[in-house]
Amino acid sequence: MQFSHIHDLVKKIKANIQRVIVGKEDIIDLLLVSLISSGHVLLEDVPGMGKTLLAKCLAKSLNCDFKRIQFTPDLLPSDISGINFFNQKHGEFQFRPGPIFTNILLADEINRATPRTQSSLLECMEERQVTIDGETMGLQRPFMVIATQNPIEIQGTFPLPEAQLDRFLMKIYMGYPTTEEGIEILMRFKEQNPFEDIPCVATGEEITAAQQDYVKVYVSNDLIKYMVNIVEMTRKHNDVHLGVSPRGSQALLKASQVYAIVQGRDYVIPDDVKAMAKPVLRHRMILRSAVAIKGSQADDIIDQILKEVPVPSEERLWEREG
C-alpha cells in the first residue's frame, strides 16, 4: 500500500495507547485520525471516563512537547498565549510564552473558562498562530488541541460558542465500558498505573510527514459529491436550525481519507464517510429548540440523513478519473 508508513505509524501508536486504555478501539482510531489530519478533538463525557488519561497516553506515545491547562473561570487569555513583561534586570520587555506553544495541548474542562478565554484559542486552532500585542507568532508542528468537557454540570460552566465548536475536527463521546472491560480495568490498575511505563513510539517528524502525505489518498468525484449531499441535507433538514458549514465538509473529506488508510486502503469508500459522519458533523449542527426539547439528538438526524442520501455505485469508486 502506498500509505503503509502511515498505517504502520497509526497501528504502532494505537497499540501503545492500549497498554493503558482498555477497549475503546474506535475512540482511539478517531483520535489518531484527527492527529494525522491535523485536526483538534473535543472529548465529552461524564467525569471518570478516561478522557484526560487518553489524551495523556497519546502525548506520551509521541516524542513531542506536551502541555496541560486546567480551565477555570478565573483563567485569562494571557495565561494561555503568554505575555510581554518588563525585565528590570535587562531593562526591556521580554516575551514569556504560554502553554499554547507546544505540540499537544490538553485543554481540561474547557467549558469552565469564560468566553473571553475560550476565544483565545480560535486563532491558534485554525491558523496555527498566535497574535500578542500586534505581533504574530507561528506555532510549531504538529499542533493539536485535545479539549475535554463534562456535559452534565451546568453551574460554573460556559457552553462553547458555535465558532469555537467548528474549530474541532471531531466531537467524541467516550461511553461506559462493558462488564468485561470494567473487570480488565480493575485488574490492570490494581497494583500500579501502567501509564507510567508506556514508552515513546513515534516522533513529531513522523507525524508531520504523515500529515503532508495523507491528502494523496484517492477520492472519486462521486464520493466527493456524496459528502456534499450529506452536508447539504443537514442544511435542509426540518429539525436543524443551522446546518454544517463548508469547513465541516472539508473536515469530513480529510477524516475519511485518513480513516481509509487506518483501514488499510489507499482510496475512500462510502463506509469511510459513514464512519466519520457522526464525530465530524454532530457538533456543527444547531437543532431547533422544539427538537431539543423532544430529546432528538444530532446523531439521530445524521443516521436519518445517511439513510436518505443515495450511495455512489461501488464499481466507480476506485476508477481514477482522467
Protein backbone atom coordinates (compact mmCIF):
# COMPACT_ATOMS: atom_id res chain seq x y z
CA MET A 1 0.00 0.00 0.00
CA GLN A 2 1.26 3.45 -0.92
CA PHE A 3 0.45 4.75 2.56
CA SER A 4 1.76 1.79 4.54
CA HIS A 5 4.06 4.06 6.54
CA ILE A 6 1.05 5.98 7.87
CA HIS A 7 -0.89 2.76 8.51
CA ASP A 8 2.03 1.27 10.44
CA LEU A 9 2.55 4.50 12.37
CA VAL A 10 -1.09 4.62 13.49
CA LYS A 11 -1.05 0.93 14.37
CA LYS A 12 2.09 1.40 16.50
CA ILE A 13 0.69 4.37 18.41
CA LYS A 14 -2.65 2.64 18.93
CA ALA A 15 -1.00 -0.47 20.38
CA ASN A 16 0.99 1.70 22.77
CA ILE A 17 -2.11 3.56 23.98
CA GLN A 18 -3.90 0.25 24.51
CA ARG A 19 -1.27 -0.74 27.04
CA VAL A 20 -3.14 1.67 29.33
CA ILE A 21 -6.61 2.24 27.87
CA VAL A 22 -8.88 -0.81 27.99
CA GLY A 23 -11.12 -1.25 24.95
CA LYS A 24 -12.21 1.97 23.19
CA GLU A 25 -10.59 0.90 19.90
CA ASP A 26 -12.97 3.03 17.87
CA ILE A 27 -12.29 6.06 20.09
CA ILE A 28 -8.52 5.63 19.75
CA ASP A 29 -8.91 5.33 15.97
CA LEU A 30 -10.86 8.60 15.87
CA LEU A 31 -8.23 10.35 18.00
CA LEU A 32 -5.45 9.19 15.68
CA VAL A 33 -7.44 10.11 12.57
CA SER A 34 -7.71 13.63 13.99
CA LEU A 35 -3.98 13.73 14.73
CA ILE A 36 -2.94 12.67 11.22
CA SER A 37 -5.44 15.01 9.56
CA SER A 38 -4.13 17.98 11.61
CA GLY A 39 -7.41 18.30 13.47
CA HIS A 40 -8.45 19.02 17.04
CA VAL A 41 -10.67 16.87 19.25
CA LEU A 42 -13.38 17.64 21.81
CA LEU A 43 -13.79 14.73 24.24
CA GLU A 44 -17.13 14.95 26.02
CA ASP A 45 -18.44 12.65 28.73
CA VAL A 46 -19.13 12.43 32.45
CA PRO A 47 -16.17 12.54 34.87
CA GLY A 48 -14.05 9.43 35.38
CA MET A 49 -14.39 8.02 31.86
CA GLY A 50 -10.68 8.32 31.00
CA LYS A 51 -10.79 11.43 28.81
CA THR A 52 -7.71 13.05 30.33
CA LEU A 53 -5.85 9.74 30.57
CA LEU A 54 -6.46 9.03 26.87
CA ALA A 55 -5.08 12.43 25.90
CA LYS A 56 -2.03 11.97 28.12
CA CYS A 57 -1.39 8.49 26.67
CA LEU A 58 -1.36 9.93 23.15
CA ALA A 59 1.02 12.70 24.16
CA LYS A 60 3.37 10.29 25.94
CA SER A 61 3.41 8.00 22.90
CA LEU A 62 4.87 10.84 20.82
CA ASN A 63 8.28 12.40 21.20
CA CYS A 64 6.62 15.82 21.26
CA ASP A 65 6.16 18.66 23.70
CA PHE A 66 3.02 18.34 25.84
CA LYS A 67 1.26 20.95 27.98
CA ARG A 68 -1.89 20.79 30.06
CA ILE A 69 -4.17 23.67 31.04
CA GLN A 70 -6.81 23.23 33.73
CA PHE A 71 -9.51 25.65 32.60
CA THR A 72 -11.20 27.64 35.38
CA PRO A 73 -13.41 30.77 35.43
CA ASP A 74 -10.50 32.98 36.50
CA LEU A 75 -8.19 31.82 33.69
CA LEU A 76 -7.11 34.73 31.45
CA PRO A 77 -6.25 34.68 27.71
CA SER A 78 -2.68 35.66 28.58
CA ASP A 79 -2.44 32.56 30.79
CA ILE A 80 -2.79 30.54 27.59
CA SER A 81 -0.96 32.56 24.95
CA GLY A 82 1.76 34.22 27.03
CA ILE A 83 2.60 37.79 27.95
CA ASN A 84 5.15 40.53 27.36
CA PHE A 85 6.65 41.58 30.69
CA PHE A 86 9.23 44.16 31.66
CA ASN A 87 12.52 42.59 32.71
CA GLN A 88 14.00 45.02 35.21
CA LYS A 89 17.37 43.29 35.12
CA HIS A 90 17.77 43.83 31.37
CA GLY A 91 15.68 47.00 31.20
CA GLU A 92 13.48 45.78 28.34
CA PHE A 93 10.27 43.93 27.59
CA GLN A 94 10.54 40.18 27.08
CA PHE A 95 8.01 37.61 25.93
CA ARG A 96 7.12 34.76 28.23
CA PRO A 97 5.42 32.09 26.08
CA GLY A 98 2.26 30.43 27.40
CA PRO A 99 1.36 26.73 27.25
CA ILE A 100 -0.13 27.21 23.78
CA PHE A 101 3.44 26.95 22.42
CA THR A 102 3.55 23.17 22.40
CA ASN A 103 2.74 20.20 20.16
CA ILE A 104 -0.08 18.53 22.09
CA LEU A 105 -2.23 20.80 24.27
CA LEU A 106 -4.70 19.28 26.73
CA ALA A 107 -7.42 21.82 27.50
CA ASP A 108 -9.04 20.16 30.50
CA GLU A 109 -12.66 21.13 31.24
CA ILE A 110 -12.60 23.81 28.57
CA ASN A 111 -16.20 24.87 29.24
CA ARG A 112 -15.26 26.12 32.72
CA ALA A 113 -13.40 29.11 31.27
CA THR A 114 -15.14 32.34 30.30
CA PRO A 115 -15.99 33.03 26.63
CA ARG A 116 -13.21 35.62 26.51
CA THR A 117 -10.63 32.99 27.44
CA GLN A 118 -12.17 30.35 25.18
CA SER A 119 -11.92 32.75 22.23
CA SER A 120 -8.15 32.99 22.71
CA LEU A 121 -7.94 29.52 21.16
CA LEU A 122 -9.75 30.48 17.94
CA GLU A 123 -6.75 31.82 16.04
CA CYS A 124 -4.27 29.17 17.14
CA MET A 125 -6.61 26.24 16.38
CA GLU A 126 -7.49 27.39 12.88
CA GLU A 127 -4.40 29.25 11.70
CA ARG A 128 -1.67 27.69 13.87
CA GLN A 129 -0.51 31.11 15.00
CA VAL A 130 -0.90 33.50 17.94
CA THR A 131 -1.08 37.31 17.84
CA ILE A 132 0.13 39.06 21.00
CA ASP A 133 0.42 42.86 21.23
CA GLY A 134 0.20 43.10 17.45
CA GLU A 135 2.95 40.56 16.79
CA THR A 136 2.03 37.28 15.12
CA MET A 137 3.98 34.15 16.03
CA GLY A 138 3.61 30.76 14.38
CA LEU A 139 3.11 27.56 16.34
CA GLN A 140 5.33 24.54 15.83
CA ARG A 141 4.02 21.45 14.07
CA PRO A 142 2.48 19.10 14.80
CA PHE A 143 -0.02 21.07 16.84
CA MET A 144 -3.16 19.51 18.28
CA VAL A 145 -5.66 20.64 20.90
CA ILE A 146 -7.47 17.93 22.85
CA ALA A 147 -10.22 19.51 24.92
CA THR A 148 -12.41 17.79 27.49
CA GLN A 149 -15.72 18.84 28.95
CA ASN A 150 -18.44 17.48 31.22
CA PRO A 151 -21.87 17.65 29.52
CA ILE A 152 -23.87 17.32 32.75
CA GLU A 153 -22.68 20.11 35.02
CA ILE A 154 -24.22 23.48 34.21
CA GLN A 155 -23.29 25.61 37.21
CA GLY A 156 -19.98 27.37 36.72
CA THR A 157 -19.66 26.41 33.04
CA PHE A 158 -19.85 28.40 29.79
CA PRO A 159 -21.07 26.47 26.71
CA LEU A 160 -18.68 26.66 23.78
CA PRO A 161 -19.97 29.01 21.05
CA GLU A 162 -20.59 27.68 17.56
CA ALA A 163 -17.46 29.35 16.17
CA GLN A 164 -15.35 27.53 18.76
CA LEU A 165 -17.05 24.17 18.21
CA ASP A 166 -16.48 24.45 14.47
CA ARG A 167 -12.71 24.54 15.08
CA PHE A 168 -12.79 20.97 16.37
CA LEU A 169 -12.47 18.33 13.70
CA MET A 170 -14.35 15.82 15.88
CA LYS A 171 -16.52 15.63 18.94
CA ILE A 172 -16.11 12.23 20.59
CA TYR A 173 -18.07 10.53 23.36
CA MET A 174 -16.12 8.04 25.46
CA GLY A 175 -19.01 5.90 26.73
CA TYR A 176 -19.12 3.45 29.64
CA PRO A 177 -17.01 0.28 29.49
CA THR A 178 -18.58 -3.15 29.14
CA THR A 179 -18.59 -5.55 32.09
CA GLU A 180 -15.55 -7.37 30.72
CA GLU A 181 -13.72 -4.09 30.14
CA GLY A 182 -14.59 -2.92 33.64
CA ILE A 183 -13.04 -6.06 35.11
CA GLU A 184 -9.93 -5.62 32.96
CA ILE A 185 -9.57 -2.01 34.10
CA LEU A 186 -9.54 -3.06 37.76
CA MET A 187 -7.09 -5.87 37.09
CA ARG A 188 -4.76 -3.66 35.06
CA PHE A 189 -4.70 -0.80 37.59
CA LYS A 190 -4.82 -2.95 40.74
CA GLU A 191 -1.12 -2.83 41.61
CA GLN A 192 0.25 0.10 39.60
CA ASN A 193 -0.63 2.65 36.97
CA PRO A 194 0.52 1.30 33.56
CA PHE A 195 0.66 4.86 32.24
CA GLU A 196 4.00 5.34 33.98
CA ASP A 197 5.62 2.61 31.87
CA ILE A 198 4.45 3.33 28.33
CA PRO A 199 7.31 4.38 26.04
CA CYS A 200 7.55 6.94 23.25
CA VAL A 201 6.97 5.16 19.92
CA ALA A 202 6.77 7.98 17.35
CA THR A 203 8.40 11.31 16.60
CA GLY A 204 6.98 14.68 15.67
CA GLU A 205 8.72 14.42 12.30
CA GLU A 206 6.86 11.20 11.52
CA ILE A 207 3.53 12.80 12.40
CA THR A 208 4.28 15.90 10.31
CA ALA A 209 5.25 13.74 7.32
CA ALA A 210 2.03 11.75 7.63
CA GLN A 211 0.02 14.98 7.80
CA GLN A 212 1.50 16.01 4.47
CA ASP A 213 1.08 12.64 2.73
CA TYR A 214 -2.48 11.56 3.59
CA VAL A 215 -4.01 14.17 1.24
CA LYS A 216 -2.93 11.98 -1.69
CA VAL A 217 -5.47 9.29 -0.75
CA TYR A 218 -7.75 8.84 -3.74
CA VAL A 219 -11.34 10.09 -3.51
CA SER A 220 -13.61 9.67 -6.52
CA ASN A 221 -15.72 12.54 -7.80
CA ASP A 222 -18.84 10.55 -6.94
CA LEU A 223 -17.75 10.29 -3.31
CA ILE A 224 -16.98 14.00 -3.11
CA LYS A 225 -20.50 14.69 -4.38
CA TYR A 226 -21.80 12.16 -1.81
CA MET A 227 -20.15 14.11 1.01
CA VAL A 228 -21.53 17.41 -0.26
CA ASN A 229 -25.03 15.92 -0.49
CA ILE A 230 -24.81 14.76 3.14
CA VAL A 231 -23.73 18.20 4.29
CA GLU A 232 -26.42 19.95 2.25
CA MET A 233 -29.07 17.68 3.77
CA THR A 234 -28.13 18.98 7.23
CA ARG A 235 -28.97 22.48 5.99
CA LYS A 236 -32.36 21.41 4.60
CA HIS A 237 -33.49 19.13 7.43
CA ASN A 238 -36.64 20.31 9.19
CA ASP A 239 -35.21 19.66 12.66
CA VAL A 240 -31.98 21.60 12.04
CA HIS A 241 -31.86 25.37 12.53
CA LEU A 242 -28.34 25.78 11.10
CA GLY A 243 -26.59 23.06 9.13
CA VAL A 244 -22.96 22.16 8.58
CA SER A 245 -20.62 24.80 7.15
CA PRO A 246 -18.13 24.33 4.27
CA ARG A 247 -15.43 23.85 6.90
CA GLY A 248 -17.41 20.83 8.07
CA SER A 249 -17.48 19.28 4.58
CA GLN A 250 -13.70 19.76 4.31
CA ALA A 251 -13.30 18.09 7.70
CA LEU A 252 -15.40 15.14 6.52
CA LEU A 253 -13.17 14.72 3.47
CA LYS A 254 -9.93 14.86 5.47
CA ALA A 255 -11.17 12.45 8.15
CA SER A 256 -12.43 9.99 5.52
CA GLN A 257 -9.06 9.98 3.76
CA VAL A 258 -7.12 9.20 6.93
CA TYR A 259 -9.70 6.64 8.06
CA ALA A 260 -9.27 4.83 4.75
CA ILE A 261 -5.54 4.49 5.50
CA VAL A 262 -6.30 3.21 9.00
CA GLN A 263 -8.49 0.57 7.37
CA GLY A 264 -5.65 -0.45 5.04
CA ARG A 265 -6.74 1.22 1.80
CA ASP A 266 -5.38 3.99 -0.42
CA TYR A 267 -8.85 5.06 -1.59
CA VAL A 268 -12.04 6.15 0.19
CA ILE A 269 -15.28 4.15 0.13
CA PRO A 270 -18.78 5.17 1.37
CA ASP A 271 -18.29 3.22 4.62
CA ASP A 272 -15.40 5.54 5.49
CA VAL A 273 -17.64 8.57 5.04
CA LYS A 274 -20.41 6.99 7.10
CA ALA A 275 -17.98 6.11 9.91
CA MET A 276 -16.73 9.70 10.08
CA ALA A 277 -20.10 11.44 9.67
CA LYS A 278 -21.18 11.47 13.32
CA PRO A 279 -17.94 12.52 15.04
CA VAL A 280 -17.23 15.15 12.37
CA LEU A 281 -20.72 16.61 11.91
CA ARG A 282 -22.59 16.18 15.23
CA HIS A 283 -21.24 19.35 16.87
CA ARG A 284 -21.61 21.52 13.76
CA MET A 285 -25.42 21.38 13.68
CA ILE A 286 -27.72 23.66 15.65
CA LEU A 287 -31.02 21.91 16.31
CA ARG A 288 -34.32 23.69 16.60
CA SER A 289 -35.37 24.31 20.20
CA ALA A 290 -38.52 22.21 19.87
CA VAL A 291 -36.45 19.27 18.64
CA ALA A 292 -34.03 19.54 21.54
CA ILE A 293 -36.95 19.55 23.99
CA LYS A 294 -38.29 16.34 22.43
CA GLY A 295 -34.93 14.73 23.10
CA SER A 296 -33.85 14.21 19.50
CA GLN A 297 -30.10 14.14 19.10
CA ALA A 298 -27.84 15.23 16.26
CA ASP A 299 -26.70 11.60 15.85
CA ASP A 300 -30.27 10.51 15.13
CA ILE A 301 -30.59 13.16 12.43
CA ILE A 302 -27.27 12.11 10.86
CA ASP A 303 -28.45 8.48 10.83
CA GLN A 304 -31.60 9.57 9.04
CA ILE A 305 -29.64 11.61 6.50
CA LEU A 306 -27.26 8.72 5.77
CA LYS A 307 -30.27 6.51 5.01
CA GLU A 308 -31.80 9.06 2.65
CA VAL A 309 -28.76 10.21 0.65
CA PRO A 310 -28.08 7.84 -2.30
CA VAL A 311 -24.77 5.98 -2.02
CA PRO A 312 -22.47 6.02 -5.11
CA SER A 313 -22.13 2.77 -7.06
CA GLU A 314 -19.12 0.75 -5.91
CA GLU A 315 -17.67 -0.04 -9.33
CA ARG A 316 -16.81 3.62 -9.89
CA LEU A 317 -15.20 4.36 -6.52
CA TRP A 318 -11.64 3.33 -7.39
CA GLU A 319 -11.67 4.23 -11.08
CA ARG A 320 -9.16 7.08 -11.33
CA GLU A 321 -10.68 9.91 -13.33
CA GLY A 322 -8.66 11.04 -16.29
